[in-house]
Amino acid sequence: MKTLGVGFSSVNERTVVAAARAWRGYRARGGKRERVVADFLIGAHAMEQCDRLLSRDRGFYRECFHGLKLLDPSAGLA
């Protein structure tokens, strides 16, 4: 992973708070409890501590994490 330039960063308090806000907004908009906490932690971590997220679940992440740069592997990685 180091050769590819991929690093590790643990989740910090700011990210956990962002995940909680995203979850609260999701539920307030009528979101069902089908989503797990990991979905919100992943999105918040990408938004707060990284520069993008690789995911096919574009709709959920766009709805809950406005401004998050998403890469969809099925659409090609330009």
C-alpha atoms as a PDB file:
ATOM      1  CA  MET A   1       0.000   0.000   0.000  1.00  0.00           C
ATOM      2  CA  LYS A   2       2.895   2.349   0.739  1.00  0.00           C
ATOM      3  CA  THR A   3       4.163   1.903  -2.830  1.00  0.00           C
ATOM      4  CA  LEU A   4       0.777   3.052  -4.124  1.00  0.00           C
ATOM      5  CA  GLY A   5       0.814   6.068  -1.842  1.00  0.00           C
ATOM      6  CA  VAL A   6      -2.051   4.795   0.284  1.00  0.00           C
ATOM      7  CA  GLY A   7      -1.763   5.689   3.950  1.00  0.00           C
ATOM      8  CA  PHE A   8      -3.727   4.995   7.114  1.00  0.00           C
ATOM      9  CA  SER A   9      -5.453   7.581   9.238  1.00  0.00           C
ATOM     10  CA  SER A  10      -7.566   6.662  12.226  1.00  0.00           C
ATOM     11  CA  VAL A  11     -10.956   8.241  12.795  1.00  0.00           C
ATOM     12  CA  ASN A  12     -10.744  11.387  14.895  1.00  0.00           C
ATOM     13  CA  GLU A  13     -13.380  13.118  17.025  1.00  0.00           C
ATOM     14  CA  ARG A  14     -14.338  15.617  14.284  1.00  0.00           C
ATOM     15  CA  THR A  15     -15.081  12.695  11.958  1.00  0.00           C
ATOM     16  CA  VAL A  16     -17.205  10.885  14.536  1.00  0.00           C
ATOM     17  CA  VAL A  17     -19.261  14.049  15.093  1.00  0.00           C
ATOM     18  CA  ALA A  18     -19.712  14.448  11.313  1.00  0.00           C
ATOM     19  CA  ALA A  19     -20.879  10.818  11.082  1.00  0.00           C
ATOM     20  CA  ALA A  20     -23.410  11.408  13.874  1.00  0.00           C
ATOM     21  CA  ARG A  21     -24.737  14.522  12.136  1.00  0.00           C
ATOM     22  CA  ALA A  22     -25.063  12.664   8.845  1.00  0.00           C
ATOM     23  CA  TRP A  23     -26.935   9.818  10.583  1.00  0.00           C
ATOM     24  CA  ARG A  24     -29.267  12.261  12.344  1.00  0.00           C
ATOM     25  CA  GLY A  25     -30.009  14.040   9.048  1.00  0.00           C
ATOM     26  CA  TYR A  26     -30.568  10.735   7.263  1.00  0.00           C
ATOM     27  CA  ARG A  27     -33.078   9.595   9.898  1.00  0.00           C
ATOM     28  CA  ALA A  28     -34.803  13.009   9.939  1.00  0.00           C
ATOM     29  CA  ARG A  29     -35.348  12.715   6.162  1.00  0.00           C
ATOM     30  CA  GLY A  30     -37.063   9.369   6.723  1.00  0.00           C
ATOM     31  CA  GLY A  31     -34.043   7.124   6.228  1.00  0.00           C
ATOM     32  CA  LYS A  32     -34.582   3.582   7.413  1.00  0.00           C
ATOM     33  CA  ARG A  33     -32.464   1.728   9.920  1.00  0.00           C
ATOM     34  CA  GLU A  34     -31.114  -0.483   7.149  1.00  0.00           C
ATOM     35  CA  ARG A  35     -27.880   1.520   7.180  1.00  0.00           C
ATOM     36  CA  VAL A  36     -25.202   0.574   9.680  1.00  0.00           C
ATOM     37  CA  VAL A  37     -22.930   2.927  11.593  1.00  0.00           C
ATOM     38  CA  ALA A  38     -19.980   1.899   9.405  1.00  0.00           C
ATOM     39  CA  ASP A  39     -21.632   3.539   6.349  1.00  0.00           C
ATOM     40  CA  PHE A  40     -21.680   6.875   8.159  1.00  0.00           C
ATOM     41  CA  LEU A  41     -18.178   6.504   9.599  1.00  0.00           C
ATOM     42  CA  ILE A  42     -16.783   5.651   6.149  1.00  0.00           C
ATOM     43  CA  GLY A  43     -18.482   8.633   4.526  1.00  0.00           C
ATOM     44  CA  ALA A  44     -17.474  11.035   7.283  1.00  0.00           C
ATOM     45  CA  HIS A  45     -13.885   9.769   7.272  1.00  0.00           C
ATOM     46  CA  ALA A  46     -13.642  10.269   3.517  1.00  0.00           C
ATOM     47  CA  MET A  47     -15.197  13.723   3.776  1.00  0.00           C
ATOM     48  CA  GLU A  48     -13.188  14.988   6.747  1.00  0.00           C
ATOM     49  CA  GLN A  49      -9.845  13.222   6.480  1.00  0.00           C
ATOM     50  CA  CYS A  50      -9.392  12.072   2.891  1.00  0.00           C
ATOM     51  CA  ASP A  51      -9.839  13.526  -0.563  1.00  0.00           C
ATOM     52  CA  ARG A  52     -12.322  11.049  -2.084  1.00  0.00           C
ATOM     53  CA  LEU A  53     -14.217   7.779  -1.668  1.00  0.00           C
ATOM     54  CA  LEU A  54     -14.309   4.785  -3.985  1.00  0.00           C
ATOM     55  CA  SER A  55     -17.863   3.409  -3.879  1.00  0.00           C
ATOM     56  CA  ARG A  56     -20.646   2.156  -6.096  1.00  0.00           C
ATOM     57  CA  ASP A  57     -23.192   3.463  -3.577  1.00  0.00           C
ATOM     58  CA  ARG A  58     -23.149   6.996  -5.009  1.00  0.00           C
ATOM     59  CA  GLY A  59     -26.739   7.905  -4.098  1.00  0.00           C
ATOM     60  CA  PHE A  60     -26.369   7.346  -0.372  1.00  0.00           C
ATOM     61  CA  TYR A  61     -23.028   9.119  -0.061  1.00  0.00           C
ATOM     62  CA  ARG A  62     -24.133  12.067  -2.213  1.00  0.00           C
ATOM     63  CA  GLU A  63     -27.287  12.469  -0.144  1.00  0.00           C
ATOM     64  CA  CYS A  64     -25.567  12.284   3.228  1.00  0.00           C
ATOM     65  CA  PHE A  65     -22.157  13.829   2.506  1.00  0.00           C
ATOM     66  CA  HIS A  66     -22.568  16.860   0.253  1.00  0.00           C
ATOM     67  CA  GLY A  67     -19.339  17.825  -1.441  1.00  0.00           C
ATOM     68  CA  LEU A  68     -17.693  14.420  -1.011  1.00  0.00           C
ATOM     69  CA  LYS A  69     -15.744  13.491  -4.127  1.00  0.00           C
ATOM     70  CA  LEU A  70     -16.856  10.021  -5.233  1.00  0.00           C
ATOM     71  CA  LEU A  71     -15.209   7.598  -7.610  1.00  0.00           C
ATOM     72  CA  ASP A  72     -17.413   4.827  -9.028  1.00  0.00           C
ATOM     73  CA  PRO A  73     -15.345   1.839 -10.191  1.00  0.00           C
ATOM     74  CA  SER A  74     -18.103   0.760 -12.594  1.00  0.00           C
ATOM     75  CA  ALA A  75     -17.931   4.171 -14.331  1.00  0.00           C
ATOM     76  CA  GLY A  76     -14.166   4.077 -14.854  1.00  0.00           C
ATOM     77  CA  LEU A  77     -11.467   5.897 -12.953  1.00  0.00           C
ATOM     78  CA  ALA A  78     -10.540   8.880 -15.090  1.00  0.00           C
END
